Amino acid sequence: MTTESAGGVERIGPPPRGGERETLRAFLDFHRATLAMKCEGLTDEELRHRSSPPSTLTLLGLVRHMAEVERSWFRRVIDAEDVPLVWSDEGDYQVAYDARTATREEAFAAWQAEVAHARRIEAAAPSLDVTAHAARWGEDVSLRLVMLHVILEYARHNGHADFLREAIDGTVGP
C-alpha cells in the first residue's frame, strides 16, 4: 500500500494482495480521498468555479452529488432507509451539481456524514452477497455491485475534478 498526503488529506492506495472486501473498501476510500484532495486549499468561491459554461459543474457540485450517490446506494438501497435526497425533492441527482450558493462547510458536512453512514452499513453487512432492491434498476443488487458502482461513480467524477482543479489554479496530479 502507498500513502500520499496533500493539504492534510491522506490517501492510501489499495492493498496489492488484499481480499475482495478489503480491496473494494480500499478502492472506495482511495477515491473518496482523491475527491477531497482535489478540493483541498480552495476557497468557497473557487470551489464554485464552473467548468465551462453553460455547464453548472463545480467541485462543490461534485461533492454534493457524491453525497447523494453515497446516500442513495448505501442508505436507500442497501439499508432500505426511507430518506429523501438531500438537495432534491424529486429525486433528481443533477440538482446537487448546481452549487452557486453552496459552501464548503455544508457540502463537506453532508458528504462526510453520508460516507460515515455508508461505512457503517458496509461494515455491518455480513457479506458482499447481501442484496437489496434497487428501484432505479428495477431489480435486486448485491453490496458488491453497489460498492463497484460507487467506485466507478467516483472514478468518473474524479476525472472531472482533475479538469476543474486545473482550470482553477493549474494544479494537476493526485
C-alpha atoms as a PDB file:
ATOM      1  CA  MET A   1       0.000   0.000   0.000  1.00  0.00           C
ATOM      2  CA  THR A   2       1.171   3.513  -0.722  1.00  0.00           C
ATOM      3  CA  THR A   3       0.211   6.633   1.152  1.00  0.00           C
ATOM      4  CA  GLU A   4       0.046  10.162  -0.247  1.00  0.00           C
ATOM      5  CA  SER A   5      -0.813  13.373   1.556  1.00  0.00           C
ATOM      6  CA  ALA A   6      -1.888  16.740   0.225  1.00  0.00           C
ATOM      7  CA  GLY A   7      -3.030  19.645   2.353  1.00  0.00           C
ATOM      8  CA  GLY A   8      -3.952  17.440   5.292  1.00  0.00           C
ATOM      9  CA  VAL A   9      -5.811  14.836   3.233  1.00  0.00           C
ATOM     10  CA  GLU A  10      -4.295  11.359   3.363  1.00  0.00           C
ATOM     11  CA  ARG A  11      -4.894   8.910   0.542  1.00  0.00           C
ATOM     12  CA  ILE A  12      -3.930   5.279   0.985  1.00  0.00           C
ATOM     13  CA  GLY A  13      -3.560   3.058  -2.042  1.00  0.00           C
ATOM     14  CA  PRO A  14      -5.376  -0.286  -2.126  1.00  0.00           C
ATOM     15  CA  PRO A  15      -3.529  -3.407  -0.928  1.00  0.00           C
ATOM     16  CA  PRO A  16      -1.803  -5.258  -3.770  1.00  0.00           C
ATOM     17  CA  ARG A  17      -2.932  -8.664  -2.472  1.00  0.00           C
ATOM     18  CA  GLY A  18      -5.969  -7.993  -0.274  1.00  0.00           C
ATOM     19  CA  GLY A  19      -9.175  -9.957  -0.116  1.00  0.00           C
ATOM     20  CA  GLU A  20     -12.177  -8.898  -2.164  1.00  0.00           C
ATOM     21  CA  ARG A  21     -13.982  -6.906   0.519  1.00  0.00           C
ATOM     22  CA  GLU A  22     -10.795  -5.264   1.796  1.00  0.00           C
ATOM     23  CA  THR A  23      -9.850  -4.302  -1.770  1.00  0.00           C
ATOM     24  CA  LEU A  24     -13.277  -2.863  -2.606  1.00  0.00           C
ATOM     25  CA  ARG A  25     -13.315  -0.900   0.656  1.00  0.00           C
ATOM     26  CA  ALA A  26      -9.787   0.406  -0.006  1.00  0.00           C
ATOM     27  CA  PHE A  27     -10.557   1.484  -3.581  1.00  0.00           C
ATOM     28  CA  LEU A  28     -13.700   3.270  -2.399  1.00  0.00           C
ATOM     29  CA  ASP A  29     -11.772   5.115   0.314  1.00  0.00           C
ATOM     30  CA  PHE A  30      -8.979   5.898  -2.176  1.00  0.00           C
ATOM     31  CA  HIS A  31     -11.466   7.590  -4.490  1.00  0.00           C
ATOM     32  CA  ARG A  32     -13.177   9.411  -1.632  1.00  0.00           C
ATOM     33  CA  ALA A  33      -9.793  10.790  -0.576  1.00  0.00           C
ATOM     34  CA  THR A  34      -8.999  11.763  -4.176  1.00  0.00           C
ATOM     35  CA  LEU A  35     -12.097  13.971  -4.352  1.00  0.00           C
ATOM     36  CA  ALA A  36     -11.180  15.597  -1.041  1.00  0.00           C
ATOM     37  CA  MET A  37      -7.610  16.204  -2.291  1.00  0.00           C
ATOM     38  CA  LYS A  38      -8.924  17.915  -5.426  1.00  0.00           C
ATOM     39  CA  CYS A  39     -10.830  20.375  -3.237  1.00  0.00           C
ATOM     40  CA  GLU A  40      -8.123  20.955  -0.636  1.00  0.00           C
ATOM     41  CA  GLY A  41      -6.907  24.523  -0.136  1.00  0.00           C
ATOM     42  CA  LEU A  42      -9.570  26.219  -2.264  1.00  0.00           C
ATOM     43  CA  THR A  43     -11.965  28.950  -1.166  1.00  0.00           C
ATOM     44  CA  ASP A  44     -15.742  28.584  -1.430  1.00  0.00           C
ATOM     45  CA  GLU A  45     -15.667  30.836  -4.465  1.00  0.00           C
ATOM     46  CA  GLU A  46     -13.006  28.689  -6.162  1.00  0.00           C
ATOM     47  CA  LEU A  47     -14.926  25.523  -5.308  1.00  0.00           C
ATOM     48  CA  ARG A  48     -17.979  27.065  -7.051  1.00  0.00           C
ATOM     49  CA  HIS A  49     -15.959  27.816 -10.223  1.00  0.00           C
ATOM     50  CA  ARG A  50     -17.875  26.409 -13.206  1.00  0.00           C
ATOM     51  CA  SER A  51     -16.043  24.064 -15.571  1.00  0.00           C
ATOM     52  CA  SER A  52     -17.139  25.528 -18.871  1.00  0.00           C
ATOM     53  CA  PRO A  53     -20.366  27.491 -19.015  1.00  0.00           C
ATOM     54  CA  PRO A  54     -23.202  26.808 -19.611  1.00  0.00           C
ATOM     55  CA  SER A  55     -22.361  23.697 -17.544  1.00  0.00           C
ATOM     56  CA  THR A  56     -23.030  24.154 -13.825  1.00  0.00           C
ATOM     57  CA  LEU A  57     -20.416  21.546 -12.889  1.00  0.00           C
ATOM     58  CA  THR A  58     -18.199  22.636  -9.989  1.00  0.00           C
ATOM     59  CA  LEU A  59     -16.060  20.917  -7.379  1.00  0.00           C
ATOM     60  CA  LEU A  60     -18.666  21.698  -4.718  1.00  0.00           C
ATOM     61  CA  GLY A  61     -21.329  20.323  -7.034  1.00  0.00           C
ATOM     62  CA  LEU A  62     -19.348  17.091  -7.343  1.00  0.00           C
ATOM     63  CA  VAL A  63     -19.037  16.812  -3.561  1.00  0.00           C
ATOM     64  CA  ARG A  64     -22.786  17.371  -3.192  1.00  0.00           C
ATOM     65  CA  HIS A  65     -23.527  14.869  -5.972  1.00  0.00           C
ATOM     66  CA  MET A  66     -21.345  12.216  -4.342  1.00  0.00           C
ATOM     67  CA  ALA A  67     -23.148  12.796  -1.048  1.00  0.00           C
ATOM     68  CA  GLU A  68     -26.371  11.922  -2.883  1.00  0.00           C
ATOM     69  CA  VAL A  69     -24.757   8.863  -4.500  1.00  0.00           C
ATOM     70  CA  GLU A  70     -23.487   7.556  -1.151  1.00  0.00           C
ATOM     71  CA  ARG A  71     -26.874   8.251   0.478  1.00  0.00           C
ATOM     72  CA  SER A  72     -28.847   6.576  -2.293  1.00  0.00           C
ATOM     73  CA  TRP A  73     -26.856   3.409  -2.737  1.00  0.00           C
ATOM     74  CA  PHE A  74     -25.942   2.653   0.847  1.00  0.00           C
ATOM     75  CA  ARG A  75     -28.800   4.111   2.904  1.00  0.00           C
ATOM     76  CA  ARG A  76     -31.730   3.965   0.494  1.00  0.00           C
ATOM     77  CA  VAL A  77     -30.853   0.729  -1.313  1.00  0.00           C
ATOM     78  CA  ILE A  78     -28.729  -1.500   0.939  1.00  0.00           C
ATOM     79  CA  ASP A  79     -30.150  -0.321   4.279  1.00  0.00           C
ATOM     80  CA  ALA A  80     -33.675   0.321   2.867  1.00  0.00           C
ATOM     81  CA  GLU A  81     -33.958   3.641   4.724  1.00  0.00           C
ATOM     82  CA  ASP A  82     -36.820   5.850   3.660  1.00  0.00           C
ATOM     83  CA  VAL A  83     -34.801   9.053   3.367  1.00  0.00           C
ATOM     84  CA  PRO A  84     -35.117  11.670   0.618  1.00  0.00           C
ATOM     85  CA  LEU A  85     -32.212  13.012  -1.351  1.00  0.00           C
ATOM     86  CA  VAL A  86     -30.533  15.969   0.339  1.00  0.00           C
ATOM     87  CA  TRP A  87     -30.951  18.548  -2.434  1.00  0.00           C
ATOM     88  CA  SER A  88     -33.895  17.297  -4.470  1.00  0.00           C
ATOM     89  CA  ASP A  89     -37.489  16.554  -3.574  1.00  0.00           C
ATOM     90  CA  GLU A  90     -37.973  14.913  -6.979  1.00  0.00           C
ATOM     91  CA  GLY A  91     -35.021  12.503  -6.766  1.00  0.00           C
ATOM     92  CA  ASP A  92     -33.045  14.417  -9.371  1.00  0.00           C
ATOM     93  CA  TYR A  93     -29.347  13.732  -8.775  1.00  0.00           C
ATOM     94  CA  GLN A  94     -28.344  16.579 -11.064  1.00  0.00           C
ATOM     95  CA  VAL A  95     -29.794  19.236  -8.741  1.00  0.00           C
ATOM     96  CA  ALA A  96     -26.772  18.754  -6.455  1.00  0.00           C
ATOM     97  CA  TYR A  97     -24.468  19.984  -9.230  1.00  0.00           C
ATOM     98  CA  ASP A  98     -25.910  23.487  -9.017  1.00  0.00           C
ATOM     99  CA  ALA A  99     -23.816  24.782  -6.134  1.00  0.00           C
ATOM    100  CA  ARG A 100     -23.961  28.522  -6.848  1.00  0.00           C
ATOM    101  CA  THR A 101     -24.737  29.334  -3.213  1.00  0.00           C
ATOM    102  CA  ALA A 102     -23.147  26.262  -1.609  1.00  0.00           C
ATOM    103  CA  THR A 103     -20.321  26.429   0.889  1.00  0.00           C
ATOM    104  CA  ARG A 104     -17.505  24.040   1.640  1.00  0.00           C
ATOM    105  CA  GLU A 105     -18.916  23.642   5.136  1.00  0.00           C
ATOM    106  CA  GLU A 106     -22.398  22.482   4.077  1.00  0.00           C
ATOM    107  CA  ALA A 107     -21.256  20.352   1.138  1.00  0.00           C
ATOM    108  CA  PHE A 108     -18.490  18.576   3.019  1.00  0.00           C
ATOM    109  CA  ALA A 109     -20.619  18.107   6.146  1.00  0.00           C
ATOM    110  CA  ALA A 110     -23.305  16.355   4.091  1.00  0.00           C
ATOM    111  CA  TRP A 111     -20.787  14.297   2.127  1.00  0.00           C
ATOM    112  CA  GLN A 112     -18.795  13.238   5.192  1.00  0.00           C
ATOM    113  CA  ALA A 113     -21.993  12.283   7.028  1.00  0.00           C
ATOM    114  CA  GLU A 114     -23.077  10.101   4.115  1.00  0.00           C
ATOM    115  CA  VAL A 115     -19.632   8.499   3.847  1.00  0.00           C
ATOM    116  CA  ALA A 116     -19.799   7.692   7.573  1.00  0.00           C
ATOM    117  CA  HIS A 117     -23.254   6.117   7.112  1.00  0.00           C
ATOM    118  CA  ALA A 118     -22.018   4.122   4.123  1.00  0.00           C
ATOM    119  CA  ARG A 119     -19.012   2.817   6.044  1.00  0.00           C
ATOM    120  CA  ARG A 120     -21.225   1.680   8.939  1.00  0.00           C
ATOM    121  CA  ILE A 121     -23.692  -0.030   6.608  1.00  0.00           C
ATOM    122  CA  GLU A 122     -20.936  -1.807   4.686  1.00  0.00           C
ATOM    123  CA  ALA A 123     -19.128  -2.888   7.861  1.00  0.00           C
ATOM    124  CA  ALA A 124     -22.350  -4.262   9.373  1.00  0.00           C
ATOM    125  CA  ALA A 125     -23.248  -6.336   6.319  1.00  0.00           C
ATOM    126  CA  PRO A 126     -22.384  -9.997   6.862  1.00  0.00           C
ATOM    127  CA  SER A 127     -21.090 -10.395   3.303  1.00  0.00           C
ATOM    128  CA  LEU A 128     -20.813  -8.770  -0.098  1.00  0.00           C
ATOM    129  CA  ASP A 129     -23.662 -11.032  -1.207  1.00  0.00           C
ATOM    130  CA  VAL A 130     -26.233  -9.080   0.825  1.00  0.00           C
ATOM    131  CA  THR A 131     -28.903  -7.977  -1.641  1.00  0.00           C
ATOM    132  CA  ALA A 132     -31.465  -5.233  -1.697  1.00  0.00           C
ATOM    133  CA  HIS A 133     -33.911  -3.908  -4.256  1.00  0.00           C
ATOM    134  CA  ALA A 134     -32.674  -1.041  -6.404  1.00  0.00           C
ATOM    135  CA  ALA A 135     -35.849   0.622  -7.672  1.00  0.00           C
ATOM    136  CA  ARG A 136     -33.768   2.667 -10.087  1.00  0.00           C
ATOM    137  CA  TRP A 137     -32.667  -0.542 -11.832  1.00  0.00           C
ATOM    138  CA  GLY A 138     -35.852  -2.486 -11.113  1.00  0.00           C
ATOM    139  CA  GLU A 139     -34.054  -5.472  -9.596  1.00  0.00           C
ATOM    140  CA  ASP A 140     -32.116  -6.717  -6.608  1.00  0.00           C
ATOM    141  CA  VAL A 141     -28.444  -5.810  -6.345  1.00  0.00           C
ATOM    142  CA  SER A 142     -25.651  -7.053  -4.096  1.00  0.00           C
ATOM    143  CA  LEU A 143     -23.493  -4.966  -1.785  1.00  0.00           C
ATOM    144  CA  ARG A 144     -20.607  -5.976  -4.063  1.00  0.00           C
ATOM    145  CA  LEU A 145     -22.316  -4.380  -7.068  1.00  0.00           C
ATOM    146  CA  VAL A 146     -23.179  -1.265  -5.065  1.00  0.00           C
ATOM    147  CA  MET A 147     -19.575  -0.833  -3.948  1.00  0.00           C
ATOM    148  CA  LEU A 148     -18.315  -1.304  -7.507  1.00  0.00           C
ATOM    149  CA  HIS A 149     -20.906   1.120  -8.859  1.00  0.00           C
ATOM    150  CA  VAL A 150     -19.964   3.798  -6.313  1.00  0.00           C
ATOM    151  CA  ILE A 151     -16.245   3.272  -7.060  1.00  0.00           C
ATOM    152  CA  LEU A 152     -16.970   3.793 -10.754  1.00  0.00           C
ATOM    153  CA  GLU A 153     -19.050   6.873  -9.969  1.00  0.00           C
ATOM    154  CA  TYR A 154     -16.132   8.371  -8.014  1.00  0.00           C
ATOM    155  CA  ALA A 155     -13.593   7.439 -10.682  1.00  0.00           C
ATOM    156  CA  ARG A 156     -15.686   9.142 -13.364  1.00  0.00           C
ATOM    157  CA  HIS A 157     -16.217  12.289 -11.323  1.00  0.00           C
ATOM    158  CA  ASN A 158     -12.617  12.435 -10.102  1.00  0.00           C
ATOM    159  CA  GLY A 159     -11.672  12.801 -13.758  1.00  0.00           C
ATOM    160  CA  HIS A 160     -13.998  15.812 -13.898  1.00  0.00           C
ATOM    161  CA  ALA A 161     -12.420  17.078 -10.662  1.00  0.00           C
ATOM    162  CA  ASP A 162      -8.974  16.923 -12.306  1.00  0.00           C
ATOM    163  CA  PHE A 163     -10.085  19.322 -15.039  1.00  0.00           C
ATOM    164  CA  LEU A 164     -11.974  21.574 -12.648  1.00  0.00           C
ATOM    165  CA  ARG A 165      -8.981  21.936 -10.319  1.00  0.00           C
ATOM    166  CA  GLU A 166      -6.577  22.583 -13.161  1.00  0.00           C
ATOM    167  CA  ALA A 167      -8.865  25.324 -14.518  1.00  0.00           C
ATOM    168  CA  ILE A 168      -8.985  26.985 -11.106  1.00  0.00           C
ATOM    169  CA  ASP A 169      -5.315  27.194 -10.193  1.00  0.00           C
ATOM    170  CA  GLY A 170      -3.303  24.990 -12.556  1.00  0.00           C
ATOM    171  CA  THR A 171      -2.885  22.177 -10.019  1.00  0.00           C
ATOM    172  CA  VAL A 172      -2.554  18.753 -11.607  1.00  0.00           C
ATOM    173  CA  GLY A 173      -1.728  15.391 -10.139  1.00  0.00           C
ATOM    174  CA  PRO A 174      -3.076  13.256  -7.342  1.00  0.00           C
END
